[in-house]
């Protein structure tokens, strides 16, 4: 059985190790995304929801620059010194992304560069820039990481009564000078101590790769309490949107600083959707939703975060767990170094494989002579 596990661990690592390293390195780059984006972007004055420019003012500002079309989404960040993100759709259907000062509407080119960079990093991390096919490939690599982690752990534990040596090595192993012995020791030790993280990453990451997996987790908490979104029998043009009434309803839900997103209808019959993070949640993934009539600002429905089923909340917990942001900077640091273990495992595993092949070849030549 152990020999079978060794072969599975070896060949799966050789085949998928490079891909897992790419996914892990981009994940490490994304670990400190909020801090790096703020460092990269221009400085802006602190704002509050009540003092920030609303969607109407932001749209008018963009039109004053000569852009035609309409805004399809706005996002106000949790940080009071971060810019507002506006997604704009031109009349031709092309998409433009603007980063603006929340108080003045000033365009922020460096913030737009930062957004584009991290959007590219996230695209590689989730899809390898290959669309839906890439999503499944990344999901398969995440599943392979589960197999690699568990098989590596069973390989390291030769006898259960000696299992503690996997985490606490003998002095002779720690002091070994032979390169092959030393790298094998490090490969095993880092893998043993990183086991919780190496299991958590694929279990949370597969939520974005496989809808069936996410649906299974949701069903664990019972049926959805909000199975569908409200719809409208008619639609209105951008010139008929009740911007002020809509924004007023939104502000009533967010008296304090928090992440907010306003999504405008892009198809006939769709309502306006406003999403925000309630107080004391770990991430914007845990958000409440409000649906409004675009013509009047009338509230059609509300989906509070607290009323989502436990299964739906479990799926939403995947993001802060996966990124480490559930524990603030300390969690991000764990995510950063945890991600960097993947290229370490691939590099040391490849070295051990080649060293073993060289040793076997040398022994064969010696026996022949």
Protein backbone atom coordinates (compact mmCIF):
# COMPACT_ATOMS: atom_id res chain seq x y z
CA UNK A 1 0.00 0.00 0.00
CA UNK A 2 2.81 2.40 0.91
CA UNK A 3 4.52 1.76 -2.43
CA UNK A 4 1.31 2.64 -4.27
CA UNK A 5 1.00 5.88 -2.30
CA UNK A 6 4.62 6.75 -3.10
CA UNK A 7 4.00 6.32 -6.83
CA UNK A 8 0.77 8.35 -6.68
CA UNK A 9 2.54 11.10 -4.74
CA UNK A 10 5.52 11.07 -7.10
CA UNK A 11 3.78 11.14 -10.46
CA UNK A 12 0.94 13.42 -9.40
CA UNK A 13 3.50 15.85 -8.00
CA UNK A 14 5.60 15.77 -11.18
CA UNK A 15 2.58 16.27 -13.45
CA UNK A 16 0.65 18.84 -11.40
CA UNK A 17 3.42 20.46 -9.38
CA UNK A 18 4.26 23.16 -11.92
CA UNK A 19 0.60 24.10 -12.34
CA UNK A 20 0.05 24.18 -8.58
CA UNK A 21 3.12 26.40 -8.26
CA UNK A 22 1.67 28.93 -10.72
CA UNK A 23 -1.64 28.97 -8.86
CA UNK A 24 0.16 29.27 -5.51
CA UNK A 25 2.53 32.07 -6.57
CA UNK A 26 -0.36 34.16 -7.91
CA UNK A 27 -2.20 33.43 -4.67
CA UNK A 28 0.79 34.69 -2.70
CA UNK A 29 0.83 37.88 -4.80
CA UNK A 30 -2.87 38.36 -4.06
CA UNK A 31 -2.49 37.78 -0.31
CA UNK A 32 -1.65 41.43 0.45
CA UNK A 33 -3.82 42.86 -2.34
CA UNK A 34 -5.65 45.50 -0.20
CA UNK A 35 -2.44 46.92 1.25
CA UNK A 36 -0.53 46.81 -2.04
CA UNK A 37 -3.33 48.51 -3.94
CA UNK A 38 -3.50 51.29 -1.39
CA UNK A 39 0.30 51.72 -1.54
CA UNK A 40 0.22 51.77 -5.36
CA UNK A 41 -2.72 54.18 -5.67
CA UNK A 42 -2.83 57.94 -5.24
CA UNK A 43 -3.65 59.33 -1.81
CA UNK A 44 -7.25 60.40 -1.30
CA UNK A 45 -9.04 62.19 1.50
CA UNK A 46 -10.95 60.09 4.02
CA UNK A 47 -14.64 59.79 3.24
CA UNK A 48 -17.82 58.44 4.81
CA UNK A 49 -20.92 57.03 3.11
CA UNK A 50 -22.84 60.23 3.83
CA UNK A 51 -20.12 62.49 2.36
CA UNK A 52 -19.08 60.37 -0.63
CA UNK A 53 -20.31 61.15 -4.12
CA UNK A 54 -23.36 59.10 -5.03
CA UNK A 55 -23.92 57.15 -8.26
CA UNK A 56 -25.55 60.08 -10.06
CA UNK A 57 -22.62 62.44 -9.35
CA UNK A 58 -20.07 59.79 -10.32
CA UNK A 59 -21.88 59.08 -13.61
CA UNK A 60 -22.11 62.78 -14.43
CA UNK A 61 -18.40 63.18 -13.71
CA UNK A 62 -17.47 60.44 -16.17
CA UNK A 63 -19.78 61.86 -18.84
CA UNK A 64 -18.16 65.28 -18.37
CA UNK A 65 -14.91 63.72 -19.60
CA UNK A 66 -16.58 62.87 -22.91
CA UNK A 67 -17.44 59.23 -22.26
CA UNK A 68 -20.74 57.99 -23.67
CA UNK A 69 -22.71 55.10 -22.24
CA UNK A 70 -23.74 54.30 -18.67
CA UNK A 71 -22.44 52.91 -15.40
CA UNK A 72 -23.31 49.29 -14.68
CA UNK A 73 -21.72 48.96 -11.22
CA UNK A 74 -20.20 51.04 -8.42
CA UNK A 75 -18.09 49.79 -5.54
CA UNK A 76 -17.18 51.81 -2.46
CA UNK A 77 -14.42 50.09 -0.41
CA UNK A 78 -14.28 49.50 3.31
CA UNK A 79 -11.18 51.67 3.70
CA UNK A 80 -12.00 55.36 4.10
CA UNK A 81 -8.87 56.27 2.11
CA UNK A 82 -9.42 54.03 -0.90
CA UNK A 83 -10.97 55.00 -4.26
CA UNK A 84 -14.38 54.16 -5.69
CA UNK A 85 -14.50 51.65 -8.55
CA UNK A 86 -16.95 52.38 -11.38
CA UNK A 87 -17.62 49.90 -14.20
CA UNK A 88 -18.75 51.74 -17.33
CA UNK A 89 -20.36 50.29 -20.43
CA UNK A 90 -19.91 52.28 -23.62
CA UNK A 91 -22.63 52.44 -26.26
CA UNK A 92 -20.60 49.97 -28.34
CA UNK A 93 -20.76 47.49 -25.44
CA UNK A 94 -17.09 47.87 -24.52
CA UNK A 95 -16.24 47.94 -20.83
CA UNK A 96 -14.19 50.62 -19.07
CA UNK A 97 -13.06 50.60 -15.45
CA UNK A 98 -12.57 53.87 -13.58
CA UNK A 99 -11.07 54.47 -10.14
CA UNK A 100 -12.24 57.78 -8.67
CA UNK A 101 -11.75 59.86 -5.56
CA UNK A 102 -14.92 59.29 -3.52
CA UNK A 103 -15.12 62.96 -2.47
CA UNK A 104 -14.08 64.86 -5.60
CA UNK A 105 -14.57 62.43 -8.49
CA UNK A 106 -10.92 62.90 -9.54
CA UNK A 107 -9.69 60.10 -11.79
CA UNK A 108 -6.83 58.07 -10.32
CA UNK A 109 -4.60 56.50 -13.02
CA UNK A 110 -2.28 54.65 -10.63
CA UNK A 111 -5.26 53.12 -8.84
CA UNK A 112 -6.53 51.92 -12.22
CA UNK A 113 -3.14 50.34 -12.94
CA UNK A 114 -3.23 48.56 -9.57
CA UNK A 115 -6.76 47.29 -10.21
CA UNK A 116 -5.80 45.98 -13.67
CA UNK A 117 -2.68 44.26 -12.31
CA UNK A 118 -4.46 42.43 -9.50
CA UNK A 119 -7.36 41.58 -11.80
CA UNK A 120 -4.84 39.84 -14.05
CA UNK A 121 -3.25 38.05 -11.09
CA UNK A 122 -6.65 36.83 -9.92
CA UNK A 123 -7.56 35.71 -13.45
CA UNK A 124 -4.43 33.56 -13.61
CA UNK A 125 -5.06 32.22 -10.11
CA UNK A 126 -8.65 31.20 -10.82
CA UNK A 127 -8.73 30.38 -14.53
CA UNK A 128 -5.16 30.52 -15.92
CA UNK A 129 -6.74 33.10 -18.31
CA UNK A 130 -8.40 30.16 -20.10
CA UNK A 131 -12.00 30.91 -19.15
CA UNK A 132 -14.29 28.09 -18.06
CA UNK A 133 -11.83 25.39 -19.12
CA UNK A 134 -9.14 27.00 -16.99
CA UNK A 135 -11.49 27.07 -14.02
CA UNK A 136 -11.90 23.29 -14.22
CA UNK A 137 -8.15 22.77 -14.65
CA UNK A 138 -7.44 24.83 -11.53
CA UNK A 139 -10.16 22.92 -9.68
CA UNK A 140 -8.63 19.60 -10.71
CA UNK A 141 -5.22 20.80 -9.51
CA UNK A 142 -6.79 21.78 -6.18
CA UNK A 143 -8.26 18.29 -5.85
CA UNK A 144 -4.84 16.83 -6.67
CA UNK A 145 -3.36 18.90 -3.83
CA UNK A 146 -5.67 17.08 -1.41
CA UNK A 147 -4.36 13.74 -2.69
CA UNK A 148 -0.74 14.93 -2.55
CA UNK A 149 -1.11 16.20 1.01
CA UNK A 150 -2.82 13.10 2.40
CA UNK A 151 -0.58 10.66 0.53
CA UNK A 152 2.52 12.55 1.66
CA UNK A 153 1.36 12.41 5.26
CA UNK A 154 0.74 8.65 5.10
CA UNK A 155 4.13 8.10 3.44
CA UNK A 156 5.86 10.06 6.19
CA UNK A 157 4.11 8.10 8.96
CA UNK A 158 5.62 4.65 8.52
CA UNK A 159 4.36 3.39 11.88
CA UNK A 160 1.62 5.14 13.83
CA UNK A 161 3.49 4.74 17.11
CA UNK A 162 6.29 6.85 15.59
CA UNK A 163 3.94 9.44 14.09
CA UNK A 164 5.28 12.24 16.28
CA UNK A 165 8.61 12.05 14.41
CA UNK A 166 6.87 13.51 11.38
CA UNK A 167 6.55 16.82 13.24
CA UNK A 168 9.43 16.47 15.72
CA UNK A 169 12.48 15.04 13.91
CA UNK A 170 15.30 13.04 15.37
CA UNK A 171 18.57 14.94 15.86
CA UNK A 172 20.35 12.74 13.33
CA UNK A 173 17.88 13.79 10.63
CA UNK A 174 18.05 17.49 11.44
CA UNK A 175 21.87 17.42 11.33
CA UNK A 176 22.20 15.37 8.14
CA UNK A 177 24.74 16.83 5.72
CA UNK A 178 24.04 14.77 2.61
CA UNK A 179 22.01 17.02 0.24
CA UNK A 180 19.49 14.33 -0.66
CA UNK A 181 18.84 13.43 2.99
CA UNK A 182 18.63 17.07 4.02
CA UNK A 183 16.17 18.06 1.28
CA UNK A 184 14.02 14.99 1.93
CA UNK A 185 13.92 15.95 5.60
CA UNK A 186 12.88 19.53 4.78
CA UNK A 187 10.29 18.35 2.24
CA UNK A 188 8.72 16.13 4.88
CA UNK A 189 8.92 18.57 7.78
CA UNK A 190 7.50 21.58 5.91
CA UNK A 191 4.74 19.38 4.51
CA UNK A 192 3.84 18.04 7.95
CA UNK A 193 3.61 21.46 9.60
CA UNK A 194 1.77 22.96 6.62
CA UNK A 195 -0.79 20.12 6.45
CA UNK A 196 -3.74 22.14 7.88
CA UNK A 197 -3.15 24.92 5.37
CA UNK A 198 -2.59 22.51 2.47
CA UNK A 199 -5.97 20.91 3.22
CA UNK A 200 -7.82 24.18 3.79
CA UNK A 201 -6.68 25.76 0.52
CA UNK A 202 -8.15 23.20 -1.91
CA UNK A 203 -11.28 22.63 0.19
CA UNK A 204 -12.09 26.36 0.05
CA UNK A 205 -10.67 27.03 -3.42
CA UNK A 206 -12.81 24.42 -5.18
CA UNK A 207 -15.88 26.53 -4.36
CA UNK A 208 -14.97 28.75 -7.34
CA UNK A 209 -14.11 25.85 -9.65
CA UNK A 210 -17.00 23.45 -9.27
CA UNK A 211 -20.60 24.62 -8.96
CA UNK A 212 -21.64 21.12 -7.89
CA UNK A 213 -19.23 21.29 -4.94
CA UNK A 214 -20.53 24.71 -3.89
CA UNK A 215 -24.14 23.51 -4.23
CA UNK A 216 -23.34 20.46 -2.10
CA UNK A 217 -21.98 22.67 0.68
CA UNK A 218 -25.06 24.89 0.46
CA UNK A 219 -27.39 21.90 0.77
CA UNK A 220 -25.66 20.86 3.99
CA UNK A 221 -27.46 23.76 5.65
CA UNK A 222 -30.88 23.01 4.24
CA UNK A 223 -32.86 24.70 1.46
CA UNK A 224 -32.06 28.25 0.42
CA UNK A 225 -34.16 30.91 2.13
CA UNK A 226 -33.80 33.20 -0.88
CA UNK A 227 -34.12 30.92 -3.92
CA UNK A 228 -34.55 33.72 -6.48
CA UNK A 229 -34.19 37.43 -7.09
CA UNK A 230 -37.20 39.68 -7.70
CA UNK A 231 -37.92 40.78 -11.26
CA UNK A 232 -39.81 43.63 -12.90
CA UNK A 233 -42.41 43.51 -15.64
CA UNK A 234 -40.89 46.53 -17.39
CA UNK A 235 -37.51 48.21 -17.67
CA UNK A 236 -36.34 51.82 -17.72
CA UNK A 237 -33.55 53.64 -19.50
CA UNK A 238 -30.61 55.25 -17.78
CA UNK A 239 -32.22 58.69 -18.12
CA UNK A 240 -35.23 57.52 -16.06
CA UNK A 241 -33.31 56.01 -13.14
CA UNK A 242 -34.24 57.52 -9.77
CA UNK A 243 -30.62 57.95 -8.66
CA UNK A 244 -31.25 60.10 -5.60
CA UNK A 245 -34.04 57.91 -4.22
CA UNK A 246 -31.99 54.75 -4.78
CA UNK A 247 -28.92 56.18 -3.09
CA UNK A 248 -30.96 57.39 -0.14
CA UNK A 249 -32.38 53.88 0.41
CA UNK A 250 -28.85 52.48 0.24
CA UNK A 251 -27.45 54.92 2.78
CA UNK A 252 -30.21 54.01 5.21
CA UNK A 253 -28.69 50.51 5.36
CA UNK A 254 -25.07 51.57 5.91
CA UNK A 255 -24.74 54.24 8.61
CA UNK A 256 -21.05 53.36 9.15
CA UNK A 257 -18.03 52.76 6.90
CA UNK A 258 -18.27 49.46 5.04
CA UNK A 259 -17.85 47.91 1.62
CA UNK A 260 -20.77 48.70 -0.68
CA UNK A 261 -21.64 47.67 -4.24
CA UNK A 262 -24.44 49.04 -6.39
CA UNK A 263 -25.26 47.06 -9.53
CA UNK A 264 -27.50 48.57 -12.18
CA UNK A 265 -29.80 46.55 -14.48
CA UNK A 266 -28.10 45.24 -17.62
CA UNK A 267 -31.10 43.28 -18.94
CA UNK A 268 -34.83 44.08 -19.19
CA UNK A 269 -36.76 43.29 -16.02
CA UNK A 270 -33.78 43.35 -13.69
CA UNK A 271 -33.93 45.41 -10.48
CA UNK A 272 -31.17 47.51 -9.00
CA UNK A 273 -29.10 45.42 -6.59
CA UNK A 274 -27.30 46.94 -3.62
CA UNK A 275 -24.91 44.84 -1.54
CA UNK A 276 -23.08 45.77 1.65
CA UNK A 277 -21.09 44.18 4.46
CA UNK A 278 -22.87 44.22 7.83
CA UNK A 279 -20.89 45.09 10.92
CA UNK A 280 -18.53 42.51 12.42
CA UNK A 281 -18.17 40.27 9.36
CA UNK A 282 -14.83 39.03 8.05
CA UNK A 283 -15.25 39.87 4.37
CA UNK A 284 -17.43 41.45 1.70
CA UNK A 285 -18.22 37.86 0.70
CA UNK A 286 -20.57 37.92 3.70
CA UNK A 287 -22.94 40.56 2.40
CA UNK A 288 -26.58 41.54 2.64
CA UNK A 289 -28.58 42.39 -0.47
CA UNK A 290 -31.26 44.94 -1.25
CA UNK A 291 -33.32 45.00 -4.45
CA UNK A 292 -34.90 48.23 -5.69
CA UNK A 293 -37.09 49.46 -8.52
CA UNK A 294 -34.80 51.57 -10.76
CA UNK A 295 -37.64 53.94 -11.70
CA UNK A 296 -38.74 54.84 -8.17
CA UNK A 297 -36.17 53.55 -5.69
CA UNK A 298 -38.91 51.45 -4.07
CA UNK A 299 -37.55 48.47 -2.09
CA UNK A 300 -38.65 45.22 -3.74
CA UNK A 301 -36.92 42.73 -1.46
CA UNK A 302 -34.12 42.38 1.07
CA UNK A 303 -31.83 39.45 1.79
CA UNK A 304 -30.04 40.08 5.13
CA UNK A 305 -26.82 38.18 5.67
CA UNK A 306 -28.05 36.90 9.02
CA UNK A 307 -30.99 35.14 7.37
CA UNK A 308 -29.02 33.14 4.81
CA UNK A 309 -29.02 29.40 5.47
CA UNK A 310 -26.04 27.93 7.29
CA UNK A 311 -24.96 26.17 4.08
CA UNK A 312 -24.99 29.41 2.09
CA UNK A 313 -23.03 31.12 4.85
CA UNK A 314 -20.53 28.24 4.85
CA UNK A 315 -19.80 28.83 1.15
CA UNK A 316 -19.34 32.55 1.79
CA UNK A 317 -16.84 31.76 4.54
CA UNK A 318 -14.62 30.18 1.88
CA UNK A 319 -13.19 33.53 0.71
CA UNK A 320 -11.89 34.92 4.03
CA UNK A 321 -10.57 31.48 4.95
CA UNK A 322 -8.88 31.01 1.58
CA UNK A 323 -7.21 34.43 1.64
CA UNK A 324 -6.43 34.43 5.36
CA UNK A 325 -8.23 37.75 5.78
CA UNK A 326 -10.38 36.25 8.49
CA UNK A 327 -7.43 36.90 10.83
CA UNK A 328 -6.30 40.24 9.45
CA UNK A 329 -2.64 40.82 8.59
CA UNK A 330 -1.59 37.74 10.58
CA UNK A 331 -3.90 35.58 8.47
CA UNK A 332 -2.66 37.20 5.25
CA UNK A 333 0.91 36.41 6.31
CA UNK A 334 0.01 32.77 6.89
CA UNK A 335 -1.67 32.68 3.46
CA UNK A 336 1.41 34.26 1.85
CA UNK A 337 3.95 31.81 3.26
CA UNK A 338 1.52 28.90 2.95
CA UNK A 339 1.20 29.61 -0.78
CA UNK A 340 4.97 29.74 -1.20
CA UNK A 341 5.28 26.20 0.14
CA UNK A 342 3.93 24.88 -3.17
CA UNK A 343 6.90 25.91 -5.36
CA UNK A 344 9.12 24.69 -2.49
CA UNK A 345 7.50 21.25 -2.59
CA UNK A 346 7.70 21.09 -6.38
CA UNK A 347 11.37 22.12 -6.40
CA UNK A 348 12.48 19.79 -3.62
CA UNK A 349 10.33 16.94 -4.93
CA UNK A 350 11.81 17.30 -8.42
CA UNK A 351 15.32 17.36 -6.94
CA UNK A 352 14.67 14.20 -4.91
CA UNK A 353 13.27 12.43 -7.98
CA UNK A 354 16.28 13.34 -10.14
CA UNK A 355 18.72 12.48 -7.34
CA UNK A 356 17.09 9.09 -6.96
CA UNK A 357 17.31 8.48 -10.71
CA UNK A 358 21.01 9.42 -10.72
CA UNK A 359 21.68 7.12 -7.78
CA UNK A 360 19.86 4.23 -9.48
CA UNK A 361 21.75 4.85 -12.74
CA UNK A 362 25.10 4.92 -10.94
CA UNK A 363 24.28 1.68 -9.13
CA UNK A 364 23.31 0.04 -12.41
CA UNK A 365 26.60 1.05 -14.03
CA UNK A 366 28.56 -0.19 -11.01
CA UNK A 367 26.81 -3.56 -11.09
CA UNK A 368 27.43 -3.86 -14.83
CA UNK A 369 31.14 -3.27 -14.36
